[in-house]
């Protein structure tokens, strides 16, 4: 802060020599004239003095028989006259300051945090309906009313806060993250565990329900493995009624699985011809102006480099400019070699096997081969797997039970 004040007022670096420089400095101290960074070199003293203090030195120098020479000038009083001669620079500086001041009266960016259930698009639509948008005046925004409207419009929002940080509107919300409790019905229609494939039962642990098969049994697709209907017997071993539960068991079903992947013999690749053209654009908010407008080549892709001045970034003003490089290419047809085909088909196979592993499927045996037909390479895989049974269906009730219940 002290350095800034010195710069605003202006100061000098001077050389003092003559009859009595020491008495000269003492008299300056008595008169309240500040001298700093004093250095002695031979019979001369070098020091800094304020511009105002320099104009008071004449009687002191005359009285002490010393001489004073100005070596350097610093500060705004010496820089300003030179700047005033550069009219274009001064005009640009004035416009930049005016633009900075004018921009500070508007909102140029809106940042929303804490929204997980409410999407950005839904929240942006809400803001538009409440006349809150980029480019609006800060004074037209009612923070308290906006917070109330957020809580009214979104029941899942338990807390909302909005504030202005420079030209940016910061909206922070908190959604209700308490778990939704679903009341379980006291009764259940019951469900069975059924086989999803033809196979053999290799492991079975039943927790609820009635097992209909045993380890080592061969089953068909759709067969009931564990039934959710539990009989309740009378003393004479006759069935009095049935209770219905959701069948629950750990069952491993060994069955065969197949996988097929195809890869056409030929494919298209980009081949760049070496020709490039550039264009530039200016983006203000959602509006974009490009120079030139027309497409440079028949077939091309583009690389975009976008930036904006740091001042506009700090002010959150949505003004960007960028450079677009268009690169011309040709679509060239190539044939896959056997090695390339193997690598690509094996990648598809790896994805399939990873998906099985994620589902808890154990691979016991596998047989994979790559062939080709008239148009493509073909990978065929046959697997013997052990897969947990997860498929369930509602337990079927017979007509006699429904009649008894109605009576």
Protein backbone atom coordinates (compact mmCIF):
# COMPACT_ATOMS: atom_id res chain seq x y z
CA UNK A 1 0.00 0.00 0.00
CA UNK A 2 2.86 2.39 0.84
CA UNK A 3 4.53 1.66 -2.50
CA UNK A 4 1.25 2.33 -4.31
CA UNK A 5 0.85 5.73 -2.58
CA UNK A 6 4.43 6.63 -3.44
CA UNK A 7 3.74 5.76 -7.07
CA UNK A 8 0.57 7.87 -7.16
CA UNK A 9 2.32 10.93 -5.66
CA UNK A 10 5.58 10.45 -7.56
CA UNK A 11 9.16 10.22 -6.25
CA UNK A 12 12.75 10.77 -7.37
CA UNK A 13 16.16 9.20 -6.99
CA UNK A 14 18.67 11.95 -6.27
CA UNK A 15 22.44 12.40 -5.72
CA UNK A 16 23.64 14.74 -2.94
CA UNK A 17 27.24 15.96 -2.60
CA UNK A 18 29.10 19.09 -1.46
CA UNK A 19 30.19 20.79 1.78
CA UNK A 20 28.01 19.02 4.35
CA UNK A 21 25.68 16.26 3.07
CA UNK A 22 25.19 14.91 6.61
CA UNK A 23 23.83 18.29 7.80
CA UNK A 24 21.62 18.37 4.69
CA UNK A 25 19.99 15.05 5.69
CA UNK A 26 19.53 16.17 9.31
CA UNK A 27 17.77 19.37 8.23
CA UNK A 28 15.50 17.34 5.92
CA UNK A 29 14.56 15.18 8.90
CA UNK A 30 13.81 18.27 11.00
CA UNK A 31 11.62 19.70 8.24
CA UNK A 32 9.69 16.39 7.94
CA UNK A 33 11.06 15.59 4.48
CA UNK A 34 11.26 11.80 4.07
CA UNK A 35 14.44 10.29 2.61
CA UNK A 36 14.83 6.53 2.16
CA UNK A 37 17.23 3.89 0.82
CA UNK A 38 20.24 6.16 1.49
CA UNK A 39 23.53 4.80 0.09
CA UNK A 40 26.98 6.43 0.30
CA UNK A 41 29.46 6.08 -2.54
CA UNK A 42 32.67 8.06 -2.05
CA UNK A 43 31.85 11.70 -1.31
CA UNK A 44 28.26 11.40 -2.67
CA UNK A 45 25.01 10.13 -1.19
CA UNK A 46 22.24 8.46 -3.23
CA UNK A 47 18.67 8.39 -1.92
CA UNK A 48 14.96 8.53 -2.79
CA UNK A 49 12.69 11.51 -2.02
CA UNK A 50 9.04 12.30 -2.68
CA UNK A 51 8.18 14.81 -5.40
CA UNK A 52 6.62 17.14 -2.86
CA UNK A 53 9.69 16.95 -0.62
CA UNK A 54 11.99 17.69 -3.55
CA UNK A 55 10.40 21.12 -4.08
CA UNK A 56 11.30 22.03 -0.47
CA UNK A 57 15.03 21.27 -0.83
CA UNK A 58 16.28 24.60 -2.31
CA UNK A 59 16.73 26.55 1.00
CA UNK A 60 18.23 23.47 2.71
CA UNK A 61 20.75 22.88 -0.07
CA UNK A 62 21.74 26.59 -0.07
CA UNK A 63 22.15 26.65 3.70
CA UNK A 64 24.34 23.52 3.83
CA UNK A 65 26.38 24.22 0.70
CA UNK A 66 25.35 20.98 -0.98
CA UNK A 67 24.30 20.22 -4.49
CA UNK A 68 21.37 18.00 -5.57
CA UNK A 69 21.00 16.19 -8.92
CA UNK A 70 17.98 14.22 -10.11
CA UNK A 71 18.92 10.77 -11.42
CA UNK A 72 15.56 9.05 -12.03
CA UNK A 73 11.86 9.90 -11.94
CA UNK A 74 9.15 7.48 -10.87
CA UNK A 75 5.39 7.49 -10.47
CA UNK A 76 2.15 8.56 -12.11
CA UNK A 77 2.94 12.32 -12.38
CA UNK A 78 5.79 11.45 -14.75
CA UNK A 79 4.01 8.65 -16.65
CA UNK A 80 0.70 10.44 -17.23
CA UNK A 81 1.95 13.16 -19.63
CA UNK A 82 3.50 10.49 -21.88
CA UNK A 83 0.31 8.42 -21.83
CA UNK A 84 -1.82 11.41 -22.76
CA UNK A 85 0.15 11.72 -26.02
CA UNK A 86 -0.93 8.18 -26.96
CA UNK A 87 -4.57 8.92 -27.72
CA UNK A 88 -5.44 5.46 -29.00
CA UNK A 89 -4.01 3.81 -25.89
CA UNK A 90 -5.84 6.20 -23.58
CA UNK A 91 -9.09 5.67 -25.49
CA UNK A 92 -8.69 1.88 -25.29
CA UNK A 93 -7.93 2.09 -21.58
CA UNK A 94 -10.98 4.27 -21.02
CA UNK A 95 -13.24 1.89 -22.98
CA UNK A 96 -11.85 -1.14 -21.14
CA UNK A 97 -12.52 0.45 -17.76
CA UNK A 98 -15.98 1.57 -18.90
CA UNK A 99 -16.74 -1.94 -20.19
CA UNK A 100 -15.54 -3.48 -16.92
CA UNK A 101 -17.69 -1.12 -14.85
CA UNK A 102 -20.75 -1.57 -17.09
CA UNK A 103 -20.42 -5.38 -17.07
CA UNK A 104 -20.37 -5.46 -13.28
CA UNK A 105 -24.04 -4.38 -13.25
CA UNK A 106 -25.18 -7.59 -15.02
CA UNK A 107 -25.24 -11.35 -14.34
CA UNK A 108 -23.04 -13.21 -16.82
CA UNK A 109 -22.95 -16.72 -15.39
CA UNK A 110 -25.23 -19.01 -13.38
CA UNK A 111 -23.75 -21.93 -11.44
CA UNK A 112 -25.97 -24.58 -9.83
CA UNK A 113 -24.63 -27.05 -7.26
CA UNK A 114 -26.22 -29.80 -5.18
CA UNK A 115 -28.73 -30.91 -7.83
CA UNK A 116 -28.64 -34.68 -8.28
CA UNK A 117 -32.30 -35.56 -8.84
CA UNK A 118 -33.13 -32.34 -10.70
CA UNK A 119 -31.40 -32.15 -14.07
CA UNK A 120 -29.66 -29.02 -15.39
CA UNK A 121 -32.23 -28.68 -18.20
CA UNK A 122 -35.18 -28.78 -15.80
CA UNK A 123 -33.56 -26.19 -13.54
CA UNK A 124 -32.72 -23.93 -16.49
CA UNK A 125 -36.37 -24.07 -17.62
CA UNK A 126 -37.43 -23.12 -14.09
CA UNK A 127 -35.07 -20.12 -14.11
CA UNK A 128 -36.40 -18.95 -17.50
CA UNK A 129 -39.98 -19.17 -16.24
CA UNK A 130 -38.97 -16.94 -13.31
CA UNK A 131 -37.20 -14.40 -15.59
CA UNK A 132 -33.74 -15.31 -14.28
CA UNK A 133 -31.25 -15.50 -17.14
CA UNK A 134 -27.73 -14.61 -18.23
CA UNK A 135 -27.48 -10.94 -19.12
CA UNK A 136 -30.11 -9.68 -16.66
CA UNK A 137 -29.40 -6.74 -14.38
CA UNK A 138 -28.25 -7.54 -10.86
CA UNK A 139 -30.73 -5.08 -9.39
CA UNK A 140 -33.66 -6.93 -11.05
CA UNK A 141 -32.89 -10.14 -9.14
CA UNK A 142 -34.80 -10.77 -5.93
CA UNK A 143 -32.66 -13.34 -4.08
CA UNK A 144 -35.17 -14.12 -1.34
CA UNK A 145 -38.05 -14.60 -3.78
CA UNK A 146 -35.90 -16.88 -5.96
CA UNK A 147 -35.07 -19.09 -2.97
CA UNK A 148 -38.78 -19.33 -2.07
CA UNK A 149 -39.75 -20.25 -5.63
CA UNK A 150 -37.12 -23.03 -5.72
CA UNK A 151 -38.52 -24.60 -2.56
CA UNK A 152 -42.11 -24.27 -3.81
CA UNK A 153 -41.45 -25.68 -7.29
CA UNK A 154 -39.30 -28.64 -6.23
CA UNK A 155 -40.69 -30.63 -3.27
CA UNK A 156 -37.48 -32.69 -3.05
CA UNK A 157 -35.46 -29.54 -2.25
CA UNK A 158 -35.10 -29.16 1.52
CA UNK A 159 -32.76 -26.15 1.47
CA UNK A 160 -31.88 -23.51 -1.12
CA UNK A 161 -29.42 -20.62 -1.10
CA UNK A 162 -28.67 -18.05 -3.81
CA UNK A 163 -26.02 -15.35 -3.78
CA UNK A 164 -24.13 -13.08 -6.13
CA UNK A 165 -20.37 -13.42 -6.46
CA UNK A 166 -19.28 -10.61 -8.73
CA UNK A 167 -21.17 -11.17 -11.98
CA UNK A 168 -21.91 -14.83 -11.20
CA UNK A 169 -25.15 -16.10 -9.63
CA UNK A 170 -24.42 -19.07 -7.35
CA UNK A 171 -27.37 -21.34 -6.52
CA UNK A 172 -26.76 -24.08 -3.96
CA UNK A 173 -29.53 -26.54 -3.14
CA UNK A 174 -29.86 -29.62 -0.94
CA UNK A 175 -32.18 -32.41 -1.98
CA UNK A 176 -33.93 -34.84 0.28
CA UNK A 177 -31.62 -37.86 0.33
CA UNK A 178 -33.50 -39.83 2.98
CA UNK A 179 -34.34 -43.34 1.80
CA UNK A 180 -37.88 -43.86 0.57
CA UNK A 181 -39.51 -46.45 2.77
CA UNK A 182 -41.82 -48.77 0.87
CA UNK A 183 -44.35 -50.51 3.05
CA UNK A 184 -44.11 -54.22 2.45
CA UNK A 185 -47.50 -55.88 2.16
CA UNK A 186 -48.31 -58.29 4.98
CA UNK A 187 -49.19 -60.99 2.47
CA UNK A 188 -47.48 -61.97 -0.75
CA UNK A 189 -48.92 -63.81 -3.76
CA UNK A 190 -45.78 -65.95 -3.64
CA UNK A 191 -43.10 -66.48 -6.26
CA UNK A 192 -41.21 -69.49 -7.61
CA UNK A 193 -37.61 -69.81 -8.76
CA UNK A 194 -37.56 -71.18 -12.31
CA UNK A 195 -34.85 -72.37 -14.66
CA UNK A 196 -33.83 -69.84 -17.31
CA UNK A 197 -32.01 -72.47 -19.42
CA UNK A 198 -31.92 -76.21 -19.97
CA UNK A 199 -29.24 -77.63 -17.69
CA UNK A 200 -28.17 -79.64 -14.63
CA UNK A 201 -28.42 -78.58 -10.98
CA UNK A 202 -24.90 -78.70 -9.47
CA UNK A 203 -25.45 -76.81 -6.18
CA UNK A 204 -28.52 -75.89 -4.18
CA UNK A 205 -29.18 -74.21 -0.81
CA UNK A 206 -32.84 -73.34 -0.09
CA UNK A 207 -33.75 -70.65 2.43
CA UNK A 208 -37.49 -70.35 1.83
CA UNK A 209 -39.94 -72.29 -0.33
CA UNK A 210 -40.29 -75.93 -1.28
CA UNK A 211 -37.50 -77.48 -3.43
CA UNK A 212 -38.88 -79.34 -6.45
CA UNK A 213 -35.54 -80.64 -7.74
CA UNK A 214 -32.32 -82.00 -6.28
CA UNK A 215 -28.61 -81.70 -7.05
CA UNK A 216 -27.79 -83.69 -10.18
CA UNK A 217 -31.28 -83.32 -11.74
CA UNK A 218 -31.58 -82.25 -15.34
CA UNK A 219 -34.14 -79.49 -15.82
CA UNK A 220 -35.75 -77.78 -18.78
CA UNK A 221 -36.13 -74.08 -19.34
CA UNK A 222 -39.09 -72.73 -17.36
CA UNK A 223 -39.16 -75.63 -14.89
CA UNK A 224 -39.99 -74.72 -11.27
CA UNK A 225 -36.92 -75.30 -9.08
CA UNK A 226 -38.20 -73.92 -5.77
CA UNK A 227 -41.92 -73.37 -5.25
CA UNK A 228 -43.26 -70.50 -3.17
CA UNK A 229 -46.33 -72.50 -2.03
CA UNK A 230 -45.80 -74.22 1.31
CA UNK A 231 -48.43 -76.79 2.40
CA UNK A 232 -49.70 -76.80 6.00
CA UNK A 233 -50.82 -80.31 7.07
CA UNK A 234 -53.49 -81.59 9.42
CA UNK A 235 -52.76 -84.28 11.97
CA UNK A 236 -53.95 -86.88 9.49
CA UNK A 237 -51.31 -85.64 6.96
CA UNK A 238 -53.92 -84.06 4.73
CA UNK A 239 -53.28 -80.53 3.47
CA UNK A 240 -55.21 -77.98 5.47
CA UNK A 241 -54.05 -74.86 3.61
CA UNK A 242 -51.14 -73.32 1.73
CA UNK A 243 -48.92 -70.45 2.77
CA UNK A 244 -47.28 -68.37 0.08
CA UNK A 245 -43.76 -66.97 0.27
CA UNK A 246 -41.16 -65.63 -2.14
CA UNK A 247 -38.86 -68.53 -2.92
CA UNK A 248 -35.26 -67.82 -1.96
CA UNK A 249 -32.33 -70.10 -2.72
CA UNK A 250 -28.73 -70.25 -3.98
CA UNK A 251 -28.83 -72.53 -7.02
CA UNK A 252 -26.09 -73.12 -9.59
CA UNK A 253 -27.33 -74.34 -12.97
CA UNK A 254 -24.77 -75.87 -15.34
CA UNK A 255 -25.73 -75.25 -18.97
CA UNK A 256 -24.27 -74.49 -22.38
CA UNK A 257 -23.95 -70.96 -23.77
CA UNK A 258 -23.04 -69.65 -27.19
CA UNK A 259 -21.48 -66.44 -28.49
CA UNK A 260 -21.17 -65.24 -32.08
CA UNK A 261 -19.46 -62.10 -33.38
CA UNK A 262 -19.06 -60.94 -36.97
CA UNK A 263 -16.55 -58.61 -38.61
CA UNK A 264 -16.95 -57.56 -42.28
CA UNK A 265 -13.92 -58.21 -44.49
CA UNK A 266 -13.56 -54.56 -45.46
CA UNK A 267 -13.75 -51.31 -43.51
CA UNK A 268 -13.42 -47.59 -44.15
CA UNK A 269 -10.54 -45.54 -42.75
CA UNK A 270 -9.79 -41.83 -42.90
CA UNK A 271 -6.75 -40.86 -44.93
CA UNK A 272 -5.71 -37.22 -44.58
CA UNK A 273 -4.55 -35.59 -47.80
CA UNK A 274 -2.54 -32.84 -46.08
CA UNK A 275 -4.73 -29.85 -46.95
CA UNK A 276 -5.93 -27.65 -44.08
CA UNK A 277 -7.85 -24.41 -43.79
CA UNK A 278 -8.60 -22.24 -40.78
CA UNK A 279 -11.50 -20.05 -39.77
CA UNK A 280 -12.30 -18.02 -36.70
CA UNK A 281 -15.44 -17.42 -34.71
CA UNK A 282 -16.77 -15.20 -31.96
CA UNK A 283 -19.27 -16.59 -29.45
CA UNK A 284 -21.33 -14.37 -27.17
CA UNK A 285 -23.64 -16.46 -25.00
CA UNK A 286 -25.47 -18.80 -27.42
CA UNK A 287 -24.78 -16.68 -30.51
CA UNK A 288 -21.88 -17.65 -32.80
CA UNK A 289 -20.42 -15.66 -35.71
CA UNK A 290 -18.05 -17.54 -38.02
CA UNK A 291 -15.56 -16.24 -40.59
CA UNK A 292 -15.76 -17.59 -43.24
CA UNK A 293 -19.16 -19.29 -43.22
CA UNK A 294 -18.86 -21.82 -46.07
CA UNK A 295 -17.48 -25.36 -45.70
CA UNK A 296 -13.90 -25.53 -47.02
CA UNK A 297 -13.84 -29.15 -48.28
CA UNK A 298 -16.26 -31.82 -49.37
CA UNK A 299 -15.16 -34.27 -46.65
CA UNK A 300 -13.33 -33.03 -43.56
CA UNK A 301 -13.09 -33.03 -39.80
CA UNK A 302 -12.27 -30.10 -37.57
CA UNK A 303 -10.20 -29.24 -34.50
CA UNK A 304 -11.49 -26.38 -32.31
CA UNK A 305 -9.36 -24.28 -29.98
CA UNK A 306 -11.42 -21.90 -27.84
CA UNK A 307 -10.29 -19.25 -25.36
CA UNK A 308 -11.29 -15.99 -23.74
CA UNK A 309 -9.37 -13.22 -21.95
CA UNK A 310 -8.64 -13.79 -18.29
CA UNK A 311 -10.45 -10.56 -17.39
CA UNK A 312 -13.68 -11.83 -18.98
CA UNK A 313 -13.15 -15.19 -17.30
CA UNK A 314 -12.87 -13.55 -13.89
CA UNK A 315 -16.02 -11.53 -14.60
CA UNK A 316 -17.78 -14.70 -15.87
CA UNK A 317 -18.78 -12.86 -19.06
CA UNK A 318 -19.67 -15.48 -21.74
CA UNK A 319 -17.54 -14.04 -24.56
CA UNK A 320 -15.26 -16.49 -26.36
CA UNK A 321 -13.33 -16.60 -29.57
CA UNK A 322 -11.78 -19.58 -31.20
CA UNK A 323 -9.93 -21.04 -34.14
CA UNK A 324 -11.26 -23.95 -36.21
CA UNK A 325 -8.82 -26.02 -38.26
CA UNK A 326 -10.47 -28.01 -41.07
CA UNK A 327 -8.55 -31.09 -42.23
CA UNK A 328 -9.52 -32.70 -45.53
CA UNK A 329 -9.52 -36.49 -45.73
CA UNK A 330 -10.62 -39.29 -48.04
CA UNK A 331 -12.54 -42.44 -47.12
CA UNK A 332 -10.32 -45.34 -48.14
CA UNK A 333 -11.46 -48.95 -48.14
CA UNK A 334 -9.14 -51.48 -46.49
CA UNK A 335 -9.35 -55.24 -45.94
CA UNK A 336 -8.74 -56.74 -42.50
CA UNK A 337 -5.87 -59.19 -42.30
CA UNK A 338 -6.38 -62.41 -40.38
CA UNK A 339 -4.33 -61.05 -37.47
CA UNK A 340 -6.33 -57.82 -37.32
CA UNK A 341 -9.59 -59.76 -37.49
CA UNK A 342 -8.47 -62.03 -34.62
CA UNK A 343 -7.55 -59.06 -32.42
CA UNK A 344 -10.85 -57.24 -33.01
CA UNK A 345 -13.02 -60.34 -32.58
CA UNK A 346 -11.12 -61.32 -29.42
CA UNK A 347 -11.83 -57.87 -28.00
CA UNK A 348 -15.56 -58.50 -28.49
CA UNK A 349 -15.15 -61.91 -26.87
CA UNK A 350 -13.39 -60.35 -23.87
CA UNK A 351 -16.31 -57.96 -23.38
CA UNK A 352 -18.75 -60.92 -23.45
CA UNK A 353 -16.68 -62.91 -20.92
CA UNK A 354 -16.32 -59.88 -18.63
CA UNK A 355 -20.11 -59.48 -18.68
CA UNK A 356 -20.52 -63.13 -17.66
CA UNK A 357 -18.00 -62.75 -14.85
CA UNK A 358 -19.83 -59.65 -13.61
CA UNK A 359 -23.02 -61.71 -13.35
CA UNK A 360 -21.23 -64.36 -11.28
CA UNK A 361 -21.11 -66.94 -14.07
CA UNK A 362 -18.34 -69.58 -13.87
CA UNK A 363 -16.87 -70.83 -17.15
CA UNK A 364 -16.11 -74.57 -16.97
CA UNK A 365 -15.20 -75.29 -20.59
CA UNK A 366 -14.87 -73.20 -23.73
CA UNK A 367 -14.34 -73.84 -27.40
CA UNK A 368 -13.67 -70.79 -29.60
CA UNK A 369 -12.88 -70.72 -33.32
CA UNK A 370 -12.69 -68.09 -36.06
CA UNK A 371 -14.04 -68.85 -39.52
CA UNK A 372 -15.15 -66.83 -42.51
CA UNK A 373 -18.22 -66.82 -44.68
CA UNK A 374 -18.98 -64.97 -47.90
CA UNK A 375 -18.87 -61.47 -46.40
CA UNK A 376 -17.19 -61.51 -43.00
CA UNK A 377 -14.98 -63.11 -40.40
CA UNK A 378 -17.03 -65.02 -37.80
CA UNK A 379 -16.05 -65.89 -34.23
CA UNK A 380 -18.08 -68.73 -32.71
CA UNK A 381 -17.77 -69.69 -29.08
CA UNK A 382 -19.35 -72.60 -27.18
CA UNK A 383 -19.14 -72.57 -23.39
CA UNK A 384 -20.11 -74.81 -20.51
CA UNK A 385 -20.99 -72.49 -17.63
CA UNK A 386 -22.39 -72.54 -14.13
CA UNK A 387 -24.77 -69.68 -13.56
CA UNK A 388 -26.79 -68.60 -10.49
CA UNK A 389 -30.55 -68.93 -10.92
CA UNK A 390 -32.23 -65.55 -10.57
CA UNK A 391 -35.39 -65.90 -12.64
CA UNK A 392 -38.66 -65.95 -10.71
CA UNK A 393 -42.35 -66.07 -11.57
CA UNK A 394 -45.55 -65.69 -9.59
CA UNK A 395 -46.74 -68.87 -7.94
CA UNK A 396 -49.73 -70.41 -9.71
CA UNK A 397 -52.79 -71.13 -7.57
CA UNK A 398 -55.27 -73.81 -8.56
CA UNK A 399 -59.04 -73.24 -8.76
CA UNK A 400 -59.85 -75.17 -5.59
CA UNK A 401 -57.74 -72.82 -3.47
CA UNK A 402 -59.43 -69.72 -4.92
CA UNK A 403 -62.87 -71.29 -4.29
CA UNK A 404 -61.96 -72.02 -0.64
CA UNK A 405 -60.76 -68.46 -0.13
CA UNK A 406 -63.96 -66.99 -1.60
CA UNK A 407 -66.10 -69.16 0.66
